[in-house]
Amino acid sequence: MKRVFRPQADPLPASGRGYRHVCPHCAQPLTLHDLRDGDQGYWCHGCGCGHRAGDPPPQALRPLPQAG
C-alpha cells in the first residue's frame, strides 16, 4: 500500500539545484548541518529554527540569480 503524504500537487522542485535555502521567516541564508540521526538539516541562526534537508517548506527555496 502506498501512502500519499502530499495529496495536492507538489510545490517543491524535483531538484535543489539552482535554488538556495533561506529561512521562511526572515529570508536569511540557512546553513547545512549533520543531524544526530544521520540526516542533514538546514538551520537559521538568527531565528533559531530549521528544517530537515529532505522536507523543506516551499518558502525556503529561492531561485538563484541567473549568471549572465
PDB file of N, CA and C in Angstrom:
ATOM      1  N   MET A   1       0.850  -1.184   0.000  1.00  0.00           N
ATOM      2  CA  MET A   1       0.000   0.000   0.000  1.00  0.00           C
ATOM      3  C   MET A   1       0.889   1.238   0.000  1.00  0.00           C
ATOM      4  N   LYS A   2       0.612   2.140  -0.901  1.00  0.00           N
ATOM      5  CA  LYS A   2       1.389   3.372  -0.993  1.00  0.00           C
ATOM      6  C   LYS A   2       0.574   4.512  -0.393  1.00  0.00           C
ATOM      7  N   ARG A   3       1.190   5.217   0.572  1.00  0.00           N
ATOM      8  CA  ARG A   3       0.517   6.345   1.212  1.00  0.00           C
ATOM      9  C   ARG A   3       0.929   7.640   0.527  1.00  0.00           C
ATOM     10  N   VAL A   4      -0.022   8.526   0.348  1.00  0.00           N
ATOM     11  CA  VAL A   4       0.264   9.820  -0.237  1.00  0.00           C
ATOM     12  C   VAL A   4       0.392  10.825   0.901  1.00  0.00           C
ATOM     13  N   PHE A   5       1.607  11.387   1.069  1.00  0.00           N
ATOM     14  CA  PHE A   5       1.832  12.334   2.142  1.00  0.00           C
ATOM     15  C   PHE A   5       1.515  13.760   1.706  1.00  0.00           C
ATOM     16  N   ARG A   6       1.605  14.029   0.427  1.00  0.00           N
ATOM     17  CA  ARG A   6       1.279  15.352  -0.109  1.00  0.00           C
ATOM     18  C   ARG A   6       0.182  15.166  -1.161  1.00  0.00           C
ATOM     19  N   PRO A   7      -1.079  15.235  -0.745  1.00  0.00           N
ATOM     20  CA  PRO A   7      -2.162  14.932  -1.673  1.00  0.00           C
ATOM     21  C   PRO A   7      -2.291  15.939  -2.820  1.00  0.00           C
ATOM     22  N   GLN A   8      -1.959  17.203  -2.599  1.00  0.00           N
ATOM     23  CA  GLN A   8      -2.034  18.191  -3.668  1.00  0.00           C
ATOM     24  C   GLN A   8      -0.775  18.127  -4.524  1.00  0.00           C
ATOM     25  N   ALA A   9      -0.754  18.914  -5.577  1.00  0.00           N
ATOM     26  CA  ALA A   9       0.433  18.956  -6.438  1.00  0.00           C
ATOM     27  C   ALA A   9       1.640  19.385  -5.602  1.00  0.00           C
ATOM     28  N   ASP A  10       2.770  18.733  -5.813  1.00  0.00           N
ATOM     29  CA  ASP A  10       3.978  19.003  -5.037  1.00  0.00           C
ATOM     30  C   ASP A  10       4.542  20.366  -5.416  1.00  0.00           C
ATOM     31  N   PRO A  11       4.597  21.339  -4.494  1.00  0.00           N
ATOM     32  CA  PRO A  11       5.105  22.671  -4.832  1.00  0.00           C
ATOM     33  C   PRO A  11       6.630  22.751  -4.884  1.00  0.00           C
ATOM     34  N   LEU A  12       7.321  21.669  -4.509  1.00  0.00           N
ATOM     35  CA  LEU A  12       8.779  21.685  -4.482  1.00  0.00           C
ATOM     36  C   LEU A  12       9.347  21.211  -5.820  1.00  0.00           C
ATOM     37  N   PRO A  13      10.481  21.764  -6.233  1.00  0.00           N
ATOM     38  CA  PRO A  13      11.105  21.300  -7.483  1.00  0.00           C
ATOM     39  C   PRO A  13      11.661  19.894  -7.329  1.00  0.00           C
ATOM     40  N   ALA A  14      11.905  19.228  -8.450  1.00  0.00           N
ATOM     41  CA  ALA A  14      12.433  17.870  -8.419  1.00  0.00           C
ATOM     42  C   ALA A  14      13.866  17.844  -7.917  1.00  0.00           C
ATOM     43  N   SER A  15      14.577  18.972  -8.009  1.00  0.00           N
ATOM     44  CA  SER A  15      15.967  19.047  -7.580  1.00  0.00           C
ATOM     45  C   SER A  15      16.197  20.378  -6.879  1.00  0.00           C
ATOM     46  N   GLY A  16      17.152  20.389  -5.940  1.00  0.00           N
ATOM     47  CA  GLY A  16      17.523  21.628  -5.268  1.00  0.00           C
ATOM     48  C   GLY A  16      18.536  22.437  -6.053  1.00  0.00           C
ATOM     49  N   ARG A  17      18.999  21.895  -7.160  1.00  0.00           N
ATOM     50  CA  ARG A  17      19.989  22.595  -7.984  1.00  0.00           C
ATOM     51  C   ARG A  17      19.339  23.846  -8.585  1.00  0.00           C
ATOM     52  N   GLY A  18      20.033  24.965  -8.451  1.00  0.00           N
ATOM     53  CA  GLY A  18      19.501  26.223  -8.956  1.00  0.00           C
ATOM     54  C   GLY A  18      18.696  26.993  -7.924  1.00  0.00           C
ATOM     55  N   TYR A  19      18.633  26.449  -6.699  1.00  0.00           N
ATOM     56  CA  TYR A  19      17.904  27.104  -5.611  1.00  0.00           C
ATOM     57  C   TYR A  19      18.825  27.302  -4.425  1.00  0.00           C
ATOM     58  N   ARG A  20      18.558  28.313  -3.631  1.00  0.00           N
ATOM     59  CA  ARG A  20      19.271  28.470  -2.361  1.00  0.00           C
ATOM     60  C   ARG A  20      18.256  28.300  -1.238  1.00  0.00           C
ATOM     61  N   HIS A  21      18.728  27.811  -0.120  1.00  0.00           N
ATOM     62  CA  HIS A  21      17.866  27.599   1.042  1.00  0.00           C
ATOM     63  C   HIS A  21      17.927  28.846   1.920  1.00  0.00           C
ATOM     64  N   VAL A  22      16.769  29.436   2.174  1.00  0.00           N
ATOM     65  CA  VAL A  22      16.665  30.611   3.037  1.00  0.00           C
ATOM     66  C   VAL A  22      15.616  30.338   4.106  1.00  0.00           C
ATOM     67  N   CYS A  23      15.698  31.089   5.182  1.00  0.00           N
ATOM     68  CA  CYS A  23      14.732  30.951   6.270  1.00  0.00           C
ATOM     69  C   CYS A  23      13.364  31.438   5.794  1.00  0.00           C
ATOM     70  N   PRO A  24      12.299  30.647   5.959  1.00  0.00           N
ATOM     71  CA  PRO A  24      10.975  31.091   5.546  1.00  0.00           C
ATOM     72  C   PRO A  24      10.434  32.244   6.403  1.00  0.00           C
ATOM     73  N   HIS A  25      11.072  32.497   7.563  1.00  0.00           N
ATOM     74  CA  HIS A  25      10.602  33.557   8.454  1.00  0.00           C
ATOM     75  C   HIS A  25      11.316  34.884   8.212  1.00  0.00           C
ATOM     76  N   CYS A  26      12.660  34.843   8.090  1.00  0.00           N
ATOM     77  CA  CYS A  26      13.424  36.093   7.975  1.00  0.00           C
ATOM     78  C   CYS A  26      14.197  36.221   6.661  1.00  0.00           C
ATOM     79  N   ALA A  27      14.165  35.208   5.808  1.00  0.00           N
ATOM     80  CA  ALA A  27      14.806  35.193   4.488  1.00  0.00           C
ATOM     81  C   ALA A  27      16.337  35.244   4.546  1.00  0.00           C
ATOM     82  N   GLN A  28      16.941  34.956   5.699  1.00  0.00           N
ATOM     83  CA  GLN A  28      18.395  34.886   5.802  1.00  0.00           C
ATOM     84  C   GLN A  28      18.867  33.526   5.279  1.00  0.00           C
ATOM     85  N   PRO A  29      20.094  33.453   4.736  1.00  0.00           N
ATOM     86  CA  PRO A  29      20.609  32.158   4.264  1.00  0.00           C
ATOM     87  C   PRO A  29      20.704  31.143   5.404  1.00  0.00           C
ATOM     88  N   LEU A  30      20.422  29.888   5.099  1.00  0.00           N
ATOM     89  CA  LEU A  30      20.496  28.806   6.079  1.00  0.00           C
ATOM     90  C   LEU A  30      21.809  28.056   5.929  1.00  0.00           C
ATOM     91  N   THR A  31      22.276  27.474   7.027  1.00  0.00           N
ATOM     92  CA  THR A  31      23.484  26.659   6.991  1.00  0.00           C
ATOM     93  C   THR A  31      23.103  25.188   7.099  1.00  0.00           C
ATOM     94  N   LEU A  32      23.839  24.346   6.392  1.00  0.00           N
ATOM     95  CA  LEU A  32      23.582  22.912   6.380  1.00  0.00           C
ATOM     96  C   LEU A  32      24.360  22.239   7.502  1.00  0.00           C
ATOM     97  N   HIS A  33      23.697  21.367   8.256  1.00  0.00           N
ATOM     98  CA  HIS A  33      24.312  20.668   9.389  1.00  0.00           C
ATOM     99  C   HIS A  33      23.966  19.191   9.331  1.00  0.00           C
ATOM    100  N   ASP A  34      24.866  18.353   9.848  1.00  0.00           N
ATOM    101  CA  ASP A  34      24.580  16.934  10.028  1.00  0.00           C
ATOM    102  C   ASP A  34      23.809  16.763  11.327  1.00  0.00           C
ATOM    103  N   LEU A  35      22.753  15.966  11.281  1.00  0.00           N
ATOM    104  CA  LEU A  35      21.942  15.710  12.470  1.00  0.00           C
ATOM    105  C   LEU A  35      22.394  14.424  13.145  1.00  0.00           C
ATOM    106  N   ARG A  36      21.997  14.240  14.382  1.00  0.00           N
ATOM    107  CA  ARG A  36      22.429  13.069  15.153  1.00  0.00           C
ATOM    108  C   ARG A  36      21.932  11.755  14.583  1.00  0.00           C
ATOM    109  N   ASP A  37      20.799  11.790  13.888  1.00  0.00           N
ATOM    110  CA  ASP A  37      20.247  10.552  13.338  1.00  0.00           C
ATOM    111  C   ASP A  37      20.807  10.212  11.958  1.00  0.00           C
ATOM    112  N   GLY A  38      21.820  10.969  11.495  1.00  0.00           N
ATOM    113  CA  GLY A  38      22.447  10.682  10.219  1.00  0.00           C
ATOM    114  C   GLY A  38      21.878  11.472   9.057  1.00  0.00           C
ATOM    115  N   ASP A  39      20.793  12.190   9.279  1.00  0.00           N
ATOM    116  CA  ASP A  39      20.187  13.022   8.241  1.00  0.00           C
ATOM    117  C   ASP A  39      20.893  14.375   8.212  1.00  0.00           C
ATOM    118  N   GLN A  40      20.490  15.245   7.332  1.00  0.00           N
ATOM    119  CA  GLN A  40      21.009  16.607   7.294  1.00  0.00           C
ATOM    120  C   GLN A  40      19.852  17.576   7.433  1.00  0.00           C
ATOM    121  N   GLY A  41      20.157  18.764   7.951  1.00  0.00           N
ATOM    122  CA  GLY A  41      19.127  19.773   8.127  1.00  0.00           C
ATOM    123  C   GLY A  41      19.681  21.166   7.923  1.00  0.00           C
ATOM    124  N   TYR A  42      18.803  22.088   7.575  1.00  0.00           N
ATOM    125  CA  TYR A  42      19.168  23.492   7.412  1.00  0.00           C
ATOM    126  C   TYR A  42      18.730  24.248   8.658  1.00  0.00           C
ATOM    127  N   TRP A  43      19.563  25.183   9.121  1.00  0.00           N
ATOM    128  CA  TRP A  43      19.321  25.897  10.365  1.00  0.00           C
ATOM    129  C   TRP A  43      19.524  27.385  10.163  1.00  0.00           C
ATOM    130  N   CYS A  44      18.607  28.196  10.734  1.00  0.00           N
ATOM    131  CA  CYS A  44      18.728  29.651  10.736  1.00  0.00           C
ATOM    132  C   CYS A  44      19.234  30.060  12.115  1.00  0.00           C
ATOM    133  N   HIS A  45      20.426  30.638  12.162  1.00  0.00           N
ATOM    134  CA  HIS A  45      20.996  31.039  13.444  1.00  0.00           C
ATOM    135  C   HIS A  45      20.320  32.290  13.989  1.00  0.00           C
ATOM    136  N   GLY A  46      19.753  33.120  13.120  1.00  0.00           N
ATOM    137  CA  GLY A  46      19.057  34.331  13.565  1.00  0.00           C
ATOM    138  C   GLY A  46      17.734  34.020  14.255  1.00  0.00           C
ATOM    139  N   CYS A  47      16.941  33.135  13.659  1.00  0.00           N
ATOM    140  CA  CYS A  47      15.618  32.786  14.203  1.00  0.00           C
ATOM    141  C   CYS A  47      15.673  31.620  15.181  1.00  0.00           C
ATOM    142  N   GLY A  48      16.704  30.775  15.034  1.00  0.00           N
ATOM    143  CA  GLY A  48      16.770  29.586  15.880  1.00  0.00           C
ATOM    144  C   GLY A  48      15.791  28.511  15.449  1.00  0.00           C
ATOM    145  N   CYS A  49      15.490  28.439  14.155  1.00  0.00           N
ATOM    146  CA  CYS A  49      14.587  27.402  13.651  1.00  0.00           C
ATOM    147  C   CYS A  49      15.194  26.790  12.398  1.00  0.00           C
ATOM    148  N   GLY A  50      14.683  25.646  11.995  1.00  0.00           N
ATOM    149  CA  GLY A  50      15.214  24.982  10.825  1.00  0.00           C
ATOM    150  C   GLY A  50      14.291  23.897  10.336  1.00  0.00           C
ATOM    151  N   HIS A  51      14.793  23.127   9.363  1.00  0.00           N
ATOM    152  CA  HIS A  51      14.033  22.025   8.799  1.00  0.00           C
ATOM    153  C   HIS A  51      14.998  20.980   8.255  1.00  0.00           C
ATOM    154  N   ARG A  52      14.482  19.776   8.083  1.00  0.00           N
ATOM    155  CA  ARG A  52      15.291  18.709   7.507  1.00  0.00           C
ATOM    156  C   ARG A  52      15.531  19.003   6.031  1.00  0.00           C
ATOM    157  N   ALA A  53      16.699  18.602   5.549  1.00  0.00           N
ATOM    158  CA  ALA A  53      17.063  18.872   4.162  1.00  0.00           C
ATOM    159  C   ALA A  53      16.107  18.188   3.181  1.00  0.00           C
ATOM    160  N   GLY A  54      15.579  17.048   3.543  1.00  0.00           N
ATOM    161  CA  GLY A  54      14.690  16.315   2.657  1.00  0.00           C
ATOM    162  C   GLY A  54      13.256  16.774   2.679  1.00  0.00           C
ATOM    163  N   ASP A  55      12.887  17.683   3.570  1.00  0.00           N
ATOM    164  CA  ASP A  55      11.498  18.123   3.678  1.00  0.00           C
ATOM    165  C   ASP A  55      11.424  19.632   3.923  1.00  0.00           C
ATOM    166  N   PRO A  56      11.901  20.440   2.971  1.00  0.00           N
ATOM    167  CA  PRO A  56      11.867  21.889   3.181  1.00  0.00           C
ATOM    168  C   PRO A  56      10.471  22.459   2.928  1.00  0.00           C
ATOM    169  N   PRO A  57      10.105  23.515   3.636  1.00  0.00           N
ATOM    170  CA  PRO A  57       8.861  24.191   3.284  1.00  0.00           C
ATOM    171  C   PRO A  57       9.049  24.914   1.950  1.00  0.00           C
ATOM    172  N   PRO A  58       7.999  25.079   1.157  1.00  0.00           N
ATOM    173  CA  PRO A  58       8.148  25.733  -0.150  1.00  0.00           C
ATOM    174  C   PRO A  58       8.743  27.137  -0.070  1.00  0.00           C
ATOM    175  N   GLN A  59       8.510  27.860   1.025  1.00  0.00           N
ATOM    176  CA  GLN A  59       9.026  29.218   1.161  1.00  0.00           C
ATOM    177  C   GLN A  59      10.532  29.249   1.410  1.00  0.00           C
ATOM    178  N   ALA A  60      11.134  28.094   1.673  1.00  0.00           N
ATOM    179  CA  ALA A  60      12.565  28.035   1.989  1.00  0.00           C
ATOM    180  C   ALA A  60      13.439  27.965   0.747  1.00  0.00           C
ATOM    181  N   LEU A  61      12.863  27.731  -0.416  1.00  0.00           N
ATOM    182  CA  LEU A  61      13.636  27.619  -1.645  1.00  0.00           C
ATOM    183  C   LEU A  61      13.451  28.881  -2.490  1.00  0.00           C
ATOM    184  N   ARG A  62      14.552  29.537  -2.800  1.00  0.00           N
ATOM    185  CA  ARG A  62      14.526  30.736  -3.653  1.00  0.00           C
ATOM    186  C   ARG A  62      15.420  30.476  -4.855  1.00  0.00           C
ATOM    187  N   PRO A  63      14.973  30.811  -6.057  1.00  0.00           N
ATOM    188  CA  PRO A  63      15.815  30.604  -7.242  1.00  0.00           C
ATOM    189  C   PRO A  63      17.091  31.437  -7.165  1.00  0.00           C
ATOM    190  N   LEU A  64      18.197  30.863  -7.587  1.00  0.00           N
ATOM    191  CA  LEU A  64      19.454  31.599  -7.665  1.00  0.00           C
ATOM    192  C   LEU A  64      19.375  32.581  -8.824  1.00  0.00           C
ATOM    193  N   PRO A  65      20.038  33.734  -8.694  1.00  0.00           N
ATOM    194  CA  PRO A  65      20.068  34.651  -9.838  1.00  0.00           C
ATOM    195  C   PRO A  65      20.811  34.001 -11.008  1.00  0.00           C
ATOM    196  N   GLN A  66      20.339  34.239 -12.176  1.00  0.00           N
ATOM    197  CA  GLN A  66      20.957  33.648 -13.363  1.00  0.00           C
ATOM    198  C   GLN A  66      22.295  34.309 -13.646  1.00  0.00           C
ATOM    199  N   ALA A  67      23.296  33.482 -13.882  1.00  0.00           N
ATOM    200  CA  ALA A  67      24.621  34.015 -14.249  1.00  0.00           C
ATOM    201  C   ALA A  67      24.552  34.511 -15.693  1.00  0.00           C
ATOM    202  N   GLY A  68      25.107  35.667 -15.935  1.00  0.00           N
ATOM    203  CA  GLY A  68      24.944  36.240 -17.241  1.00  0.00           C
ATOM    204  C   GLY A  68      26.138  36.264 -18.046  1.00  0.00           C
TER     205      GLY A  68
END
